[in-house]
Amino acid sequence: MSNIKLSIDKMVIEYKDVHWKFFNPFKRNICDYYGVTESIGKTDWGFKYHLNIESSHEAYLHISYQPYHETKSFKHSLRIETHPDYLPEFKHILDALYQNASSIWFVRCDVACEC
């Protein structure tokens, strides 16, 4: 049992009450800077807006905004998903989200086991 190694493969964090007036220019800047296109969900579950950022050395950040289950308002939840090692790569994005959310919540993580 001493040869088992555990590591976190992915983590999901949610930012609460992110205002649309912040998110709209935020997503445009991300799309311009990283050369990505937003995708808009077409279902009645999950999140409406999605941005998938990939850098040149495998770092990634997935951003989801406005859950379908939330009532209509101008403030919505925003989730990020990434590997913990990639957090420093996206510090400028995370700092902006920190400044524009009422609270930050840990949602889940995937744990890898090497036996």
C-alpha atoms as a PDB file:
ATOM      1  CA  MET A   1       0.000   0.000   0.000  1.00  0.00           C
ATOM      2  CA  SER A   2       2.928   2.399   0.398  1.00  0.00           C
ATOM      3  CA  ASN A   3       3.458   2.533  -3.395  1.00  0.00           C
ATOM      4  CA  ILE A   4       0.121   4.219  -4.057  1.00  0.00           C
ATOM      5  CA  LYS A   5       0.303   7.804  -5.310  1.00  0.00           C
ATOM      6  CA  LEU A   6      -2.719  10.097  -5.317  1.00  0.00           C
ATOM      7  CA  SER A   7      -2.965  13.323  -7.255  1.00  0.00           C
ATOM      8  CA  ILE A   8      -5.643  15.806  -8.272  1.00  0.00           C
ATOM      9  CA  ASP A   9      -6.326  15.626 -12.005  1.00  0.00           C
ATOM     10  CA  LYS A  10      -8.966  18.318 -12.310  1.00  0.00           C
ATOM     11  CA  MET A  11     -10.677  20.830 -10.060  1.00  0.00           C
ATOM     12  CA  VAL A  12     -13.894  22.793 -10.442  1.00  0.00           C
ATOM     13  CA  ILE A  13     -14.437  26.131  -8.694  1.00  0.00           C
ATOM     14  CA  GLU A  14     -17.582  28.274  -8.802  1.00  0.00           C
ATOM     15  CA  TYR A  15     -17.741  32.056  -8.587  1.00  0.00           C
ATOM     16  CA  LYS A  16     -21.097  33.352  -7.320  1.00  0.00           C
ATOM     17  CA  ASP A  17     -22.982  36.473  -8.450  1.00  0.00           C
ATOM     18  CA  VAL A  18     -20.814  37.394 -11.429  1.00  0.00           C
ATOM     19  CA  HIS A  19     -22.614  40.301 -13.094  1.00  0.00           C
ATOM     20  CA  TRP A  20     -23.378  40.210 -16.812  1.00  0.00           C
ATOM     21  CA  LYS A  21     -21.856  43.719 -17.182  1.00  0.00           C
ATOM     22  CA  PHE A  22     -18.527  42.185 -16.146  1.00  0.00           C
ATOM     23  CA  PHE A  23     -18.848  38.868 -17.972  1.00  0.00           C
ATOM     24  CA  ASN A  24     -19.766  40.202 -21.411  1.00  0.00           C
ATOM     25  CA  PRO A  25     -16.575  42.284 -21.950  1.00  0.00           C
ATOM     26  CA  PHE A  26     -14.564  39.671 -20.009  1.00  0.00           C
ATOM     27  CA  LYS A  27     -15.506  36.917 -22.470  1.00  0.00           C
ATOM     28  CA  ARG A  28     -14.861  39.192 -25.479  1.00  0.00           C
ATOM     29  CA  ASN A  29     -11.368  39.962 -24.157  1.00  0.00           C
ATOM     30  CA  ILE A  30     -10.670  36.270 -23.591  1.00  0.00           C
ATOM     31  CA  CYS A  31     -11.881  35.374 -27.078  1.00  0.00           C
ATOM     32  CA  ASP A  32      -9.674  38.079 -28.616  1.00  0.00           C
ATOM     33  CA  TYR A  33      -6.587  37.347 -26.497  1.00  0.00           C
ATOM     34  CA  TYR A  34      -6.641  33.540 -26.798  1.00  0.00           C
ATOM     35  CA  GLY A  35      -8.241  33.323 -30.245  1.00  0.00           C
ATOM     36  CA  VAL A  36     -11.146  31.201 -29.033  1.00  0.00           C
ATOM     37  CA  THR A  37     -14.845  31.259 -29.839  1.00  0.00           C
ATOM     38  CA  GLU A  38     -17.546  31.040 -27.220  1.00  0.00           C
ATOM     39  CA  SER A  39     -20.057  28.254 -27.508  1.00  0.00           C
ATOM     40  CA  ILE A  40     -23.625  28.646 -26.372  1.00  0.00           C
ATOM     41  CA  GLY A  41     -25.404  25.625 -24.927  1.00  0.00           C
ATOM     42  CA  LYS A  42     -28.671  24.670 -26.531  1.00  0.00           C
ATOM     43  CA  THR A  43     -30.120  22.461 -23.799  1.00  0.00           C
ATOM     44  CA  ASP A  44     -32.220  23.133 -20.718  1.00  0.00           C
ATOM     45  CA  TRP A  45     -29.538  21.923 -18.280  1.00  0.00           C
ATOM     46  CA  GLY A  46     -25.967  22.870 -17.531  1.00  0.00           C
ATOM     47  CA  PHE A  47     -24.510  26.271 -18.370  1.00  0.00           C
ATOM     48  CA  LYS A  48     -25.413  28.556 -21.251  1.00  0.00           C
ATOM     49  CA  TYR A  49     -22.006  30.068 -22.165  1.00  0.00           C
ATOM     50  CA  HIS A  50     -18.733  28.147 -22.530  1.00  0.00           C
ATOM     51  CA  LEU A  51     -15.163  29.203 -23.244  1.00  0.00           C
ATOM     52  CA  ASN A  52     -12.389  26.648 -23.750  1.00  0.00           C
ATOM     53  CA  ILE A  53      -8.887  28.075 -23.460  1.00  0.00           C
ATOM     54  CA  GLU A  54      -5.837  25.981 -24.337  1.00  0.00           C
ATOM     55  CA  SER A  55      -2.312  27.320 -24.174  1.00  0.00           C
ATOM     56  CA  SER A  56       0.642  26.038 -26.150  1.00  0.00           C
ATOM     57  CA  HIS A  57       1.946  23.746 -23.409  1.00  0.00           C
ATOM     58  CA  GLU A  58      -1.187  21.726 -22.551  1.00  0.00           C
ATOM     59  CA  ALA A  59      -2.559  24.163 -19.961  1.00  0.00           C
ATOM     60  CA  TYR A  60      -6.312  24.532 -20.241  1.00  0.00           C
ATOM     61  CA  LEU A  61      -9.113  26.451 -18.585  1.00  0.00           C
ATOM     62  CA  HIS A  62     -12.788  25.785 -19.214  1.00  0.00           C
ATOM     63  CA  ILE A  63     -15.170  28.601 -18.228  1.00  0.00           C
ATOM     64  CA  SER A  64     -18.940  28.098 -17.946  1.00  0.00           C
ATOM     65  CA  TYR A  65     -21.402  30.891 -17.183  1.00  0.00           C
ATOM     66  CA  GLN A  66     -25.127  31.267 -16.449  1.00  0.00           C
ATOM     67  CA  PRO A  67     -26.667  27.963 -15.349  1.00  0.00           C
ATOM     68  CA  TYR A  68     -30.028  27.262 -16.962  1.00  0.00           C
ATOM     69  CA  HIS A  69     -31.607  26.493 -13.574  1.00  0.00           C
ATOM     70  CA  GLU A  70     -30.855  29.966 -12.145  1.00  0.00           C
ATOM     71  CA  THR A  71     -33.682  32.479 -12.245  1.00  0.00           C
ATOM     72  CA  LYS A  72     -33.471  35.355 -14.698  1.00  0.00           C
ATOM     73  CA  SER A  73     -31.240  38.131 -13.376  1.00  0.00           C
ATOM     74  CA  PHE A  74     -28.074  39.975 -14.290  1.00  0.00           C
ATOM     75  CA  LYS A  75     -25.945  38.003 -11.795  1.00  0.00           C
ATOM     76  CA  HIS A  76     -25.054  34.380 -12.405  1.00  0.00           C
ATOM     77  CA  SER A  77     -22.697  31.647 -11.332  1.00  0.00           C
ATOM     78  CA  LEU A  78     -19.496  31.103 -13.268  1.00  0.00           C
ATOM     79  CA  ARG A  79     -17.459  27.890 -13.082  1.00  0.00           C
ATOM     80  CA  ILE A  80     -13.901  27.185 -14.028  1.00  0.00           C
ATOM     81  CA  GLU A  81     -12.377  23.773 -14.602  1.00  0.00           C
ATOM     82  CA  THR A  82      -8.644  23.089 -14.880  1.00  0.00           C
ATOM     83  CA  HIS A  83      -5.741  21.067 -13.530  1.00  0.00           C
ATOM     84  CA  PRO A  84      -4.322  22.627 -10.326  1.00  0.00           C
ATOM     85  CA  ASP A  85      -0.882  22.954 -11.934  1.00  0.00           C
ATOM     86  CA  TYR A  86      -2.348  25.321 -14.549  1.00  0.00           C
ATOM     87  CA  LEU A  87      -3.793  27.859 -12.102  1.00  0.00           C
ATOM     88  CA  PRO A  88      -0.683  30.131 -12.237  1.00  0.00           C
ATOM     89  CA  GLU A  89      -0.941  30.207 -16.047  1.00  0.00           C
ATOM     90  CA  PHE A  90      -4.360  31.849 -15.768  1.00  0.00           C
ATOM     91  CA  LYS A  91      -3.721  34.067 -12.732  1.00  0.00           C
ATOM     92  CA  HIS A  92      -4.835  37.239 -14.540  1.00  0.00           C
ATOM     93  CA  ILE A  93      -8.223  35.641 -15.305  1.00  0.00           C
ATOM     94  CA  LEU A  94      -8.633  34.267 -11.782  1.00  0.00           C
ATOM     95  CA  ASP A  95      -7.759  37.646 -10.244  1.00  0.00           C
ATOM     96  CA  ALA A  96     -10.436  39.364 -12.338  1.00  0.00           C
ATOM     97  CA  LEU A  97     -13.015  36.763 -11.312  1.00  0.00           C
ATOM     98  CA  TYR A  98     -12.042  37.104  -7.647  1.00  0.00           C
ATOM     99  CA  GLN A  99     -12.645  40.862  -7.834  1.00  0.00           C
ATOM    100  CA  ASN A 100     -16.077  40.423  -9.455  1.00  0.00           C
ATOM    101  CA  ALA A 101     -17.693  37.591  -7.493  1.00  0.00           C
ATOM    102  CA  SER A 102     -19.534  37.720  -4.186  1.00  0.00           C
ATOM    103  CA  SER A 103     -18.012  34.392  -3.090  1.00  0.00           C
ATOM    104  CA  ILE A 104     -15.920  31.481  -4.365  1.00  0.00           C
ATOM    105  CA  TRP A 105     -16.886  27.852  -3.815  1.00  0.00           C
ATOM    106  CA  PHE A 106     -15.048  24.564  -4.279  1.00  0.00           C
ATOM    107  CA  VAL A 107     -17.312  22.281  -6.342  1.00  0.00           C
ATOM    108  CA  ARG A 108     -15.360  19.071  -6.948  1.00  0.00           C
ATOM    109  CA  CYS A 109     -12.081  17.516  -7.988  1.00  0.00           C
ATOM    110  CA  ASP A 110     -11.032  14.368  -9.804  1.00  0.00           C
ATOM    111  CA  VAL A 111      -8.449  12.270  -7.998  1.00  0.00           C
ATOM    112  CA  ALA A 112      -6.028   9.984  -9.836  1.00  0.00           C
ATOM    113  CA  CYS A 113      -4.518   6.914  -8.238  1.00  0.00           C
ATOM    114  CA  GLU A 114      -1.273   5.339  -9.408  1.00  0.00           C
ATOM    115  CA  CYS A 115      -0.834   1.873  -7.972  1.00  0.00           C
END
